[in-house]
């Protein structure tokens, strides 16, 4: 099994649906039931830094993350279903956590 992060962005076309508490409860119940959920959190506002020049500005676009275990990226994608951000038209980026 590999570890994957779901990076959720604050760009849903339906902000009310993306913030629906019942939808989030159902989604987390689905993740817990899968046995592949390894945590997550909402993310507050922040700042991006770079030693010189202008930093890329993603600090305030991220709204949260979820960590799951899956065999591969295709299997990880099954956990998009029911994600309130994704279902509301928002962006969820999936990244593999590499083991060095």
PDB file of N, CA and C in Angstrom:
ATOM      1  N   UNK A   1       0.838  -1.190   0.000  1.00  0.00           N
ATOM      2  CA  UNK A   1       0.000   0.000   0.000  1.00  0.00           C
ATOM      3  C   UNK A   1       0.877   1.245   0.000  1.00  0.00           C
ATOM      4  N   UNK A   2       0.422   2.237  -0.720  1.00  0.00           N
ATOM      5  CA  UNK A   2       1.101   3.530  -0.764  1.00  0.00           C
ATOM      6  C   UNK A   2       0.272   4.548   0.023  1.00  0.00           C
ATOM      7  N   UNK A   3       0.923   5.608   0.457  1.00  0.00           N
ATOM      8  CA  UNK A   3       0.237   6.701   1.143  1.00  0.00           C
ATOM      9  C   UNK A   3       0.005   7.839   0.160  1.00  0.00           C
ATOM     10  N   UNK A   4      -1.193   8.417   0.219  1.00  0.00           N
ATOM     11  CA  UNK A   4      -1.562   9.521  -0.665  1.00  0.00           C
ATOM     12  C   UNK A   4      -2.157  10.662   0.146  1.00  0.00           C
ATOM     13  N   UNK A   5      -1.838  11.875  -0.271  1.00  0.00           N
ATOM     14  CA  UNK A   5      -2.451  13.074   0.292  1.00  0.00           C
ATOM     15  C   UNK A   5      -3.459  13.615  -0.703  1.00  0.00           C
ATOM     16  N   UNK A   6      -4.619  13.958  -0.212  1.00  0.00           N
ATOM     17  CA  UNK A   6      -5.606  14.692  -0.992  1.00  0.00           C
ATOM     18  C   UNK A   6      -5.489  16.144  -0.542  1.00  0.00           C
ATOM     19  N   UNK A   7      -5.042  17.011  -1.417  1.00  0.00           N
ATOM     20  CA  UNK A   7      -4.932  18.439  -1.125  1.00  0.00           C
ATOM     21  C   UNK A   7      -6.174  19.110  -1.693  1.00  0.00           C
ATOM     22  N   UNK A   8      -6.972  19.693  -0.827  1.00  0.00           N
ATOM     23  CA  UNK A   8      -8.244  20.273  -1.241  1.00  0.00           C
ATOM     24  C   UNK A   8      -8.119  21.786  -1.321  1.00  0.00           C
ATOM     25  N   UNK A   9      -8.603  22.335  -2.427  1.00  0.00           N
ATOM     26  CA  UNK A   9      -8.482  23.760  -2.696  1.00  0.00           C
ATOM     27  C   UNK A   9      -9.803  24.480  -2.448  1.00  0.00           C
ATOM     28  N   UNK A  10      -9.697  25.738  -2.145  1.00  0.00           N
ATOM     29  CA  UNK A  10     -10.857  26.577  -1.855  1.00  0.00           C
ATOM     30  C   UNK A  10     -11.387  27.197  -3.148  1.00  0.00           C
ATOM     31  N   UNK A  11     -11.792  26.345  -4.103  1.00  0.00           N
ATOM     32  CA  UNK A  11     -12.259  26.853  -5.391  1.00  0.00           C
ATOM     33  C   UNK A  11     -13.557  26.194  -5.856  1.00  0.00           C
ATOM     34  N   UNK A  12     -14.310  25.611  -4.940  1.00  0.00           N
ATOM     35  CA  UNK A  12     -15.555  24.937  -5.314  1.00  0.00           C
ATOM     36  C   UNK A  12     -16.530  25.934  -5.927  1.00  0.00           C
ATOM     37  N   UNK A  13     -17.228  25.506  -6.959  1.00  0.00           N
ATOM     38  CA  UNK A  13     -18.210  26.379  -7.595  1.00  0.00           C
ATOM     39  C   UNK A  13     -19.447  26.549  -6.724  1.00  0.00           C
ATOM     40  N   UNK A  14     -19.711  25.588  -5.849  1.00  0.00           N
ATOM     41  CA  UNK A  14     -20.826  25.670  -4.902  1.00  0.00           C
ATOM     42  C   UNK A  14     -20.249  25.626  -3.485  1.00  0.00           C
ATOM     43  N   UNK A  15     -19.929  26.796  -2.942  1.00  0.00           N
ATOM     44  CA  UNK A  15     -19.285  26.886  -1.630  1.00  0.00           C
ATOM     45  C   UNK A  15     -20.156  26.326  -0.507  1.00  0.00           C
ATOM     46  N   UNK A  16     -21.473  26.480  -0.616  1.00  0.00           N
ATOM     47  CA  UNK A  16     -22.366  25.953   0.422  1.00  0.00           C
ATOM     48  C   UNK A  16     -22.298  24.429   0.461  1.00  0.00           C
ATOM     49  N   UNK A  17     -22.298  23.789  -0.701  1.00  0.00           N
ATOM     50  CA  UNK A  17     -22.210  22.323  -0.759  1.00  0.00           C
ATOM     51  C   UNK A  17     -20.852  21.849  -0.256  1.00  0.00           C
ATOM     52  N   UNK A  18     -19.798  22.592  -0.565  1.00  0.00           N
ATOM     53  CA  UNK A  18     -18.448  22.216  -0.136  1.00  0.00           C
ATOM     54  C   UNK A  18     -18.292  22.289   1.375  1.00  0.00           C
ATOM     55  N   UNK A  19     -19.103  23.101   2.032  1.00  0.00           N
ATOM     56  CA  UNK A  19     -19.004  23.289   3.480  1.00  0.00           C
ATOM     57  C   UNK A  19     -20.092  22.546   4.253  1.00  0.00           C
ATOM     58  N   UNK A  20     -20.891  21.739   3.573  1.00  0.00           N
ATOM     59  CA  UNK A  20     -22.023  21.055   4.208  1.00  0.00           C
ATOM     60  C   UNK A  20     -21.555  20.029   5.243  1.00  0.00           C
ATOM     61  N   UNK A  21     -21.882  20.255   6.508  1.00  0.00           N
ATOM     62  CA  UNK A  21     -21.438  19.378   7.601  1.00  0.00           C
ATOM     63  C   UNK A  21     -21.920  17.940   7.441  1.00  0.00           C
ATOM     64  N   UNK A  22     -23.153  17.758   7.000  1.00  0.00           N
ATOM     65  CA  UNK A  22     -23.691  16.404   6.819  1.00  0.00           C
ATOM     66  C   UNK A  22     -22.915  15.662   5.737  1.00  0.00           C
ATOM     67  N   UNK A  23     -22.604  16.349   4.647  1.00  0.00           N
ATOM     68  CA  UNK A  23     -21.829  15.727   3.565  1.00  0.00           C
ATOM     69  C   UNK A  23     -20.448  15.313   4.062  1.00  0.00           C
ATOM     70  N   UNK A  24     -19.818  16.159   4.884  1.00  0.00           N
ATOM     71  CA  UNK A  24     -18.500  15.827   5.436  1.00  0.00           C
ATOM     72  C   UNK A  24     -18.588  14.639   6.388  1.00  0.00           C
ATOM     73  N   UNK A  25     -19.629  14.588   7.207  1.00  0.00           N
ATOM     74  CA  UNK A  25     -19.795  13.449   8.118  1.00  0.00           C
ATOM     75  C   UNK A  25     -19.955  12.146   7.342  1.00  0.00           C
ATOM     76  N   UNK A  26     -20.753  12.183   6.278  1.00  0.00           N
ATOM     77  CA  UNK A  26     -20.953  10.989   5.451  1.00  0.00           C
ATOM     78  C   UNK A  26     -19.655  10.584   4.762  1.00  0.00           C
ATOM     79  N   UNK A  27     -18.915  11.571   4.287  1.00  0.00           N
ATOM     80  CA  UNK A  27     -17.657  11.284   3.600  1.00  0.00           C
ATOM     81  C   UNK A  27     -16.640  10.665   4.558  1.00  0.00           C
ATOM     82  N   UNK A  28     -16.504  11.239   5.752  1.00  0.00           N
ATOM     83  CA  UNK A  28     -15.561  10.673   6.719  1.00  0.00           C
ATOM     84  C   UNK A  28     -15.998   9.291   7.195  1.00  0.00           C
ATOM     85  N   UNK A  29     -17.285   9.047   7.288  1.00  0.00           N
ATOM     86  CA  UNK A  29     -17.776   7.705   7.640  1.00  0.00           C
ATOM     87  C   UNK A  29     -17.360   6.708   6.559  1.00  0.00           C
ATOM     88  N   UNK A  30     -17.485   7.108   5.290  1.00  0.00           N
ATOM     89  CA  UNK A  30     -17.060   6.271   4.161  1.00  0.00           C
ATOM     90  C   UNK A  30     -15.562   5.983   4.240  1.00  0.00           C
ATOM     91  N   UNK A  31     -14.761   7.015   4.513  1.00  0.00           N
ATOM     92  CA  UNK A  31     -13.312   6.826   4.606  1.00  0.00           C
ATOM     93  C   UNK A  31     -12.947   5.905   5.769  1.00  0.00           C
ATOM     94  N   UNK A  32     -13.549   6.123   6.927  1.00  0.00           N
ATOM     95  CA  UNK A  32     -13.277   5.265   8.093  1.00  0.00           C
ATOM     96  C   UNK A  32     -13.661   3.821   7.800  1.00  0.00           C
ATOM     97  N   UNK A  33     -14.806   3.637   7.162  1.00  0.00           N
ATOM     98  CA  UNK A  33     -15.300   2.300   6.846  1.00  0.00           C
ATOM     99  C   UNK A  33     -14.360   1.570   5.887  1.00  0.00           C
ATOM    100  N   UNK A  34     -13.661   2.317   5.044  1.00  0.00           N
ATOM    101  CA  UNK A  34     -12.745   1.709   4.072  1.00  0.00           C
ATOM    102  C   UNK A  34     -11.526   1.091   4.748  1.00  0.00           C
ATOM    103  N   UNK A  35     -11.191   1.574   5.945  1.00  0.00           N
ATOM    104  CA  UNK A  35      -9.991   1.116   6.637  1.00  0.00           C
ATOM    105  C   UNK A  35      -8.711   1.707   6.077  1.00  0.00           C
ATOM    106  N   UNK A  36      -8.833   2.657   5.156  1.00  0.00           N
ATOM    107  CA  UNK A  36      -7.660   3.249   4.496  1.00  0.00           C
ATOM    108  C   UNK A  36      -7.436   4.709   4.874  1.00  0.00           C
ATOM    109  N   UNK A  37      -8.214   5.220   5.790  1.00  0.00           N
ATOM    110  CA  UNK A  37      -8.122   6.621   6.199  1.00  0.00           C
ATOM    111  C   UNK A  37      -7.037   6.786   7.254  1.00  0.00           C
ATOM    112  N   UNK A  38      -6.120   7.727   7.027  1.00  0.00           N
ATOM    113  CA  UNK A  38      -5.020   7.968   7.960  1.00  0.00           C
ATOM    114  C   UNK A  38      -4.986   9.397   8.477  1.00  0.00           C
ATOM    115  N   UNK A  39      -6.119  10.071   8.482  1.00  0.00           N
ATOM    116  CA  UNK A  39      -6.182  11.396   9.074  1.00  0.00           C
ATOM    117  C   UNK A  39      -6.315  12.518   8.070  1.00  0.00           C
ATOM    118  N   UNK A  40      -6.356  13.709   8.596  1.00  0.00           N
ATOM    119  CA  UNK A  40      -6.492  14.898   7.776  1.00  0.00           C
ATOM    120  C   UNK A  40      -6.881  16.075   8.640  1.00  0.00           C
ATOM    121  N   UNK A  41      -7.020  17.224   8.010  1.00  0.00           N
ATOM    122  CA  UNK A  41      -7.364  18.425   8.756  1.00  0.00           C
ATOM    123  C   UNK A  41      -7.750  19.532   7.792  1.00  0.00           C
ATOM    124  N   UNK A  42      -8.543  20.462   8.288  1.00  0.00           N
ATOM    125  CA  UNK A  42      -8.728  21.693   7.535  1.00  0.00           C
ATOM    126  C   UNK A  42      -7.449  22.514   7.729  1.00  0.00           C
ATOM    127  N   UNK A  43      -7.232  23.472   6.851  1.00  0.00           N
ATOM    128  CA  UNK A  43      -6.019  24.289   6.894  1.00  0.00           C
ATOM    129  C   UNK A  43      -6.428  25.757   6.914  1.00  0.00           C
ATOM    130  N   UNK A  44      -5.897  26.499   7.857  1.00  0.00           N
ATOM    131  CA  UNK A  44      -6.183  27.927   7.956  1.00  0.00           C
ATOM    132  C   UNK A  44      -5.344  28.741   6.980  1.00  0.00           C
ATOM    133  N   UNK A  45      -5.555  30.039   7.004  1.00  0.00           N
ATOM    134  CA  UNK A  45      -4.805  30.952   6.139  1.00  0.00           C
ATOM    135  C   UNK A  45      -3.326  30.913   6.495  1.00  0.00           C
ATOM    136  N   UNK A  46      -2.487  31.198   5.532  1.00  0.00           N
ATOM    137  CA  UNK A  46      -1.048  31.187   5.760  1.00  0.00           C
ATOM    138  C   UNK A  46      -0.336  32.113   4.795  1.00  0.00           C
ATOM    139  N   UNK A  47       0.963  31.992   4.740  1.00  0.00           N
ATOM    140  CA  UNK A  47       1.782  32.786   3.834  1.00  0.00           C
ATOM    141  C   UNK A  47       2.802  31.881   3.172  1.00  0.00           C
ATOM    142  N   UNK A  48       3.174  32.241   1.952  1.00  0.00           N
ATOM    143  CA  UNK A  48       4.234  31.535   1.234  1.00  0.00           C
ATOM    144  C   UNK A  48       5.507  32.363   1.331  1.00  0.00           C
ATOM    145  N   UNK A  49       6.643  31.694   1.462  1.00  0.00           N
ATOM    146  CA  UNK A  49       7.924  32.391   1.607  1.00  0.00           C
ATOM    147  C   UNK A  49       8.931  31.848   0.609  1.00  0.00           C
ATOM    148  N   UNK A  50       9.807  32.731   0.187  1.00  0.00           N
ATOM    149  CA  UNK A  50      10.910  32.376  -0.692  1.00  0.00           C
ATOM    150  C   UNK A  50      12.074  33.275  -0.325  1.00  0.00           C
ATOM    151  N   UNK A  51      13.278  32.719  -0.285  1.00  0.00           N
ATOM    152  CA  UNK A  51      14.441  33.491   0.151  1.00  0.00           C
ATOM    153  C   UNK A  51      14.631  34.743  -0.696  1.00  0.00           C
ATOM    154  N   UNK A  52      14.457  34.620  -2.013  1.00  0.00           N
ATOM    155  CA  UNK A  52      14.555  35.799  -2.873  1.00  0.00           C
ATOM    156  C   UNK A  52      13.480  35.716  -3.947  1.00  0.00           C
ATOM    157  N   UNK A  53      12.968  36.848  -4.331  1.00  0.00           N
ATOM    158  CA  UNK A  53      11.911  36.880  -5.331  1.00  0.00           C
ATOM    159  C   UNK A  53      10.540  36.668  -4.704  1.00  0.00           C
ATOM    160  N   UNK A  54       9.569  36.489  -5.567  1.00  0.00           N
ATOM    161  CA  UNK A  54       8.191  36.319  -5.123  1.00  0.00           C
ATOM    162  C   UNK A  54       7.849  34.842  -5.020  1.00  0.00           C
ATOM    163  N   UNK A  55       7.273  34.458  -3.910  1.00  0.00           N
ATOM    164  CA  UNK A  55       6.882  33.060  -3.697  1.00  0.00           C
ATOM    165  C   UNK A  55       5.613  32.743  -4.479  1.00  0.00           C
ATOM    166  N   UNK A  56       5.495  31.490  -4.900  1.00  0.00           N
ATOM    167  CA  UNK A  56       4.262  31.031  -5.535  1.00  0.00           C
ATOM    168  C   UNK A  56       3.134  31.176  -4.520  1.00  0.00           C
ATOM    169  N   UNK A  57       1.994  31.656  -4.945  1.00  0.00           N
ATOM    170  CA  UNK A  57       0.928  31.993  -4.006  1.00  0.00           C
ATOM    171  C   UNK A  57      -0.146  30.947  -3.824  1.00  0.00           C
ATOM    172  N   UNK A  58       0.179  29.805  -3.258  1.00  0.00           N
ATOM    173  CA  UNK A  58      -0.857  28.806  -3.003  1.00  0.00           C
ATOM    174  C   UNK A  58      -1.260  28.746  -1.537  1.00  0.00           C
ATOM    175  N   UNK A  59      -0.641  29.553  -0.689  1.00  0.00           N
ATOM    176  CA  UNK A  59      -0.844  29.449   0.762  1.00  0.00           C
ATOM    177  C   UNK A  59      -2.302  29.603   1.173  1.00  0.00           C
ATOM    178  N   UNK A  60      -3.035  30.487   0.536  1.00  0.00           N
ATOM    179  CA  UNK A  60      -4.417  30.712   0.938  1.00  0.00           C
ATOM    180  C   UNK A  60      -5.418  30.013   0.028  1.00  0.00           C
ATOM    181  N   UNK A  61      -4.941  29.210  -0.897  1.00  0.00           N
ATOM    182  CA  UNK A  61      -5.832  28.455  -1.767  1.00  0.00           C
ATOM    183  C   UNK A  61      -6.148  27.079  -1.197  1.00  0.00           C
ATOM    184  N   UNK A  62      -5.242  26.524  -0.407  1.00  0.00           N
ATOM    185  CA  UNK A  62      -5.479  25.213   0.194  1.00  0.00           C
ATOM    186  C   UNK A  62      -6.446  25.348   1.357  1.00  0.00           C
ATOM    187  N   UNK A  63      -7.420  24.430   1.418  1.00  0.00           N
ATOM    188  CA  UNK A  63      -8.391  24.488   2.512  1.00  0.00           C
ATOM    189  C   UNK A  63      -8.298  23.284   3.440  1.00  0.00           C
ATOM    190  N   UNK A  64      -7.616  22.212   2.994  1.00  0.00           N
ATOM    191  CA  UNK A  64      -7.491  21.044   3.856  1.00  0.00           C
ATOM    192  C   UNK A  64      -6.761  19.912   3.178  1.00  0.00           C
ATOM    193  N   UNK A  65      -6.497  18.858   3.957  1.00  0.00           N
ATOM    194  CA  UNK A  65      -5.856  17.675   3.401  1.00  0.00           C
ATOM    195  C   UNK A  65      -6.429  16.428   4.061  1.00  0.00           C
ATOM    196  N   UNK A  66      -6.333  15.330   3.336  1.00  0.00           N
ATOM    197  CA  UNK A  66      -6.730  14.013   3.831  1.00  0.00           C
ATOM    198  C   UNK A  66      -5.635  13.043   3.422  1.00  0.00           C
ATOM    199  N   UNK A  67      -5.313  12.123   4.311  1.00  0.00           N
ATOM    200  CA  UNK A  67      -4.303  11.105   4.014  1.00  0.00           C
ATOM    201  C   UNK A  67      -4.990   9.744   3.963  1.00  0.00           C
ATOM    202  N   UNK A  68      -4.746   9.017   2.864  1.00  0.00           N
ATOM    203  CA  UNK A  68      -5.321   7.680   2.691  1.00  0.00           C
ATOM    204  C   UNK A  68      -4.244   6.710   2.226  1.00  0.00           C
ATOM    205  N   UNK A  69      -4.528   5.429   2.381  1.00  0.00           N
ATOM    206  CA  UNK A  69      -3.677   4.368   1.855  1.00  0.00           C
ATOM    207  C   UNK A  69      -4.403   3.691   0.701  1.00  0.00           C
ATOM    208  N   UNK A  70      -3.654   3.418  -0.381  1.00  0.00           N
ATOM    209  CA  UNK A  70      -4.223   2.746  -1.547  1.00  0.00           C
ATOM    210  C   UNK A  70      -3.111   2.021  -2.294  1.00  0.00           C
ATOM    211  N   UNK A  71      -3.496   1.055  -3.108  1.00  0.00           N
ATOM    212  CA  UNK A  71      -2.522   0.277  -3.886  1.00  0.00           C
ATOM    213  C   UNK A  71      -1.786   1.143  -4.905  1.00  0.00           C
ATOM    214  N   UNK A  72      -2.507   2.071  -5.537  1.00  0.00           N
ATOM    215  CA  UNK A  72      -1.907   2.930  -6.557  1.00  0.00           C
ATOM    216  C   UNK A  72      -2.783   4.170  -6.724  1.00  0.00           C
ATOM    217  N   UNK A  73      -2.374   5.058  -7.616  1.00  0.00           N
ATOM    218  CA  UNK A  73      -3.102   6.308  -7.822  1.00  0.00           C
ATOM    219  C   UNK A  73      -4.530   6.051  -8.277  1.00  0.00           C
ATOM    220  N   UNK A  74      -4.712   5.089  -9.157  1.00  0.00           N
ATOM    221  CA  UNK A  74      -6.054   4.768  -9.633  1.00  0.00           C
ATOM    222  C   UNK A  74      -6.952   4.334  -8.477  1.00  0.00           C
ATOM    223  N   UNK A  75      -6.426   3.510  -7.591  1.00  0.00           N
ATOM    224  CA  UNK A  75      -7.200   3.069  -6.425  1.00  0.00           C
ATOM    225  C   UNK A  75      -7.472   4.238  -5.481  1.00  0.00           C
ATOM    226  N   UNK A  76      -6.524   5.156  -5.356  1.00  0.00           N
ATOM    227  CA  UNK A  76      -6.724   6.324  -4.488  1.00  0.00           C
ATOM    228  C   UNK A  76      -7.856   7.206  -5.012  1.00  0.00           C
ATOM    229  N   UNK A  77      -8.008   7.251  -6.322  1.00  0.00           N
ATOM    230  CA  UNK A  77      -9.045   8.092  -6.923  1.00  0.00           C
ATOM    231  C   UNK A  77     -10.448   7.680  -6.497  1.00  0.00           C
ATOM    232  N   UNK A  78     -10.637   6.429  -6.078  1.00  0.00           N
ATOM    233  CA  UNK A  78     -11.968   5.996  -5.631  1.00  0.00           C
ATOM    234  C   UNK A  78     -12.441   6.809  -4.427  1.00  0.00           C
ATOM    235  N   UNK A  79     -11.497   7.377  -3.675  1.00  0.00           N
ATOM    236  CA  UNK A  79     -11.852   8.151  -2.493  1.00  0.00           C
ATOM    237  C   UNK A  79     -12.274   9.585  -2.822  1.00  0.00           C
ATOM    238  N   UNK A  80     -12.257   9.954  -4.111  1.00  0.00           N
ATOM    239  CA  UNK A  80     -12.795  11.254  -4.513  1.00  0.00           C
ATOM    240  C   UNK A  80     -14.320  11.261  -4.404  1.00  0.00           C
ATOM    241  N   UNK A  81     -14.929  10.121  -4.669  1.00  0.00           N
ATOM    242  CA  UNK A  81     -16.386  10.017  -4.640  1.00  0.00           C
ATOM    243  C   UNK A  81     -16.919  10.382  -3.261  1.00  0.00           C
ATOM    244  N   UNK A  82     -17.794  11.362  -3.227  1.00  0.00           N
ATOM    245  CA  UNK A  82     -18.375  11.806  -1.969  1.00  0.00           C
ATOM    246  C   UNK A  82     -17.625  12.936  -1.289  1.00  0.00           C
ATOM    247  N   UNK A  83     -16.402  13.244  -1.751  1.00  0.00           N
ATOM    248  CA  UNK A  83     -15.656  14.353  -1.154  1.00  0.00           C
ATOM    249  C   UNK A  83     -16.418  15.652  -1.448  1.00  0.00           C
ATOM    250  N   UNK A  84     -16.859  16.375  -0.420  1.00  0.00           N
ATOM    251  CA  UNK A  84     -17.684  17.561  -0.650  1.00  0.00           C
ATOM    252  C   UNK A  84     -17.036  18.634  -1.527  1.00  0.00           C
ATOM    253  N   UNK A  85     -15.739  18.814  -1.433  1.00  0.00           N
ATOM    254  CA  UNK A  85     -15.059  19.792  -2.299  1.00  0.00           C
ATOM    255  C   UNK A  85     -15.155  19.340  -3.753  1.00  0.00           C
ATOM    256  N   UNK A  86     -14.794  18.094  -4.001  1.00  0.00           N
ATOM    257  CA  UNK A  86     -14.822  17.524  -5.348  1.00  0.00           C
ATOM    258  C   UNK A  86     -16.241  17.536  -5.918  1.00  0.00           C
ATOM    259  N   UNK A  87     -17.201  17.080  -5.117  1.00  0.00           N
ATOM    260  CA  UNK A  87     -18.593  17.001  -5.570  1.00  0.00           C
ATOM    261  C   UNK A  87     -19.183  18.383  -5.833  1.00  0.00           C
ATOM    262  N   UNK A  88     -18.637  19.420  -5.195  1.00  0.00           N
ATOM    263  CA  UNK A  88     -19.120  20.793  -5.379  1.00  0.00           C
ATOM    264  C   UNK A  88     -18.365  21.518  -6.489  1.00  0.00           C
ATOM    265  N   UNK A  89     -17.599  20.775  -7.291  1.00  0.00           N
ATOM    266  CA  UNK A  89     -16.901  21.368  -8.424  1.00  0.00           C
ATOM    267  C   UNK A  89     -15.528  21.914  -8.105  1.00  0.00           C
ATOM    268  N   UNK A  90     -15.013  21.610  -6.919  1.00  0.00           N
ATOM    269  CA  UNK A  90     -13.703  22.106  -6.522  1.00  0.00           C
ATOM    270  C   UNK A  90     -12.575  21.155  -6.893  1.00  0.00           C
ATOM    271  N   UNK A  91     -11.371  21.613  -6.681  1.00  0.00           N
ATOM    272  CA  UNK A  91     -10.166  20.861  -7.023  1.00  0.00           C
ATOM    273  C   UNK A  91      -9.668  20.062  -5.832  1.00  0.00           C
ATOM    274  N   UNK A  92      -9.379  18.790  -6.082  1.00  0.00           N
ATOM    275  CA  UNK A  92      -8.705  17.941  -5.107  1.00  0.00           C
ATOM    276  C   UNK A  92      -7.495  17.350  -5.819  1.00  0.00           C
ATOM    277  N   UNK A  93      -6.327  17.702  -5.354  1.00  0.00           N
ATOM    278  CA  UNK A  93      -5.074  17.211  -5.929  1.00  0.00           C
ATOM    279  C   UNK A  93      -4.628  15.992  -5.125  1.00  0.00           C
ATOM    280  N   UNK A  94      -4.264  14.919  -5.821  1.00  0.00           N
ATOM    281  CA  UNK A  94      -3.792  13.714  -5.141  1.00  0.00           C
ATOM    282  C   UNK A  94      -2.294  13.606  -5.355  1.00  0.00           C
ATOM    283  N   UNK A  95      -1.559  13.479  -4.251  1.00  0.00           N
ATOM    284  CA  UNK A  95      -0.101  13.340  -4.307  1.00  0.00           C
ATOM    285  C   UNK A  95       0.331  12.108  -3.539  1.00  0.00           C
ATOM    286  N   UNK A  96       1.225  11.331  -4.129  1.00  0.00           N
ATOM    287  CA  UNK A  96       1.785  10.179  -3.427  1.00  0.00           C
ATOM    288  C   UNK A  96       2.845  10.663  -2.443  1.00  0.00           C
ATOM    289  N   UNK A  97       2.818  10.116  -1.236  1.00  0.00           N
ATOM    290  CA  UNK A  97       3.872  10.388  -0.262  1.00  0.00           C
ATOM    291  C   UNK A  97       4.974   9.369  -0.504  1.00  0.00           C
ATOM    292  N   UNK A  98       6.087   9.836  -0.992  1.00  0.00           N
ATOM    293  CA  UNK A  98       7.184   8.947  -1.364  1.00  0.00           C
ATOM    294  C   UNK A  98       7.942   8.479  -0.142  1.00  0.00           C
ATOM    295  N   UNK A  99       8.374   7.266  -0.199  1.00  0.00           N
ATOM    296  CA  UNK A  99       9.193   6.703   0.883  1.00  0.00           C
ATOM    297  C   UNK A  99      10.647   6.747   0.440  1.00  0.00           C
ATOM    298  N   UNK A 100      11.416   7.595   1.075  1.00  0.00           N
ATOM    299  CA  UNK A 100      12.836   7.738   0.713  1.00  0.00           C
ATOM    300  C   UNK A 100      13.695   6.853   1.573  1.00  0.00           C
TER     301      UNK A 100
END
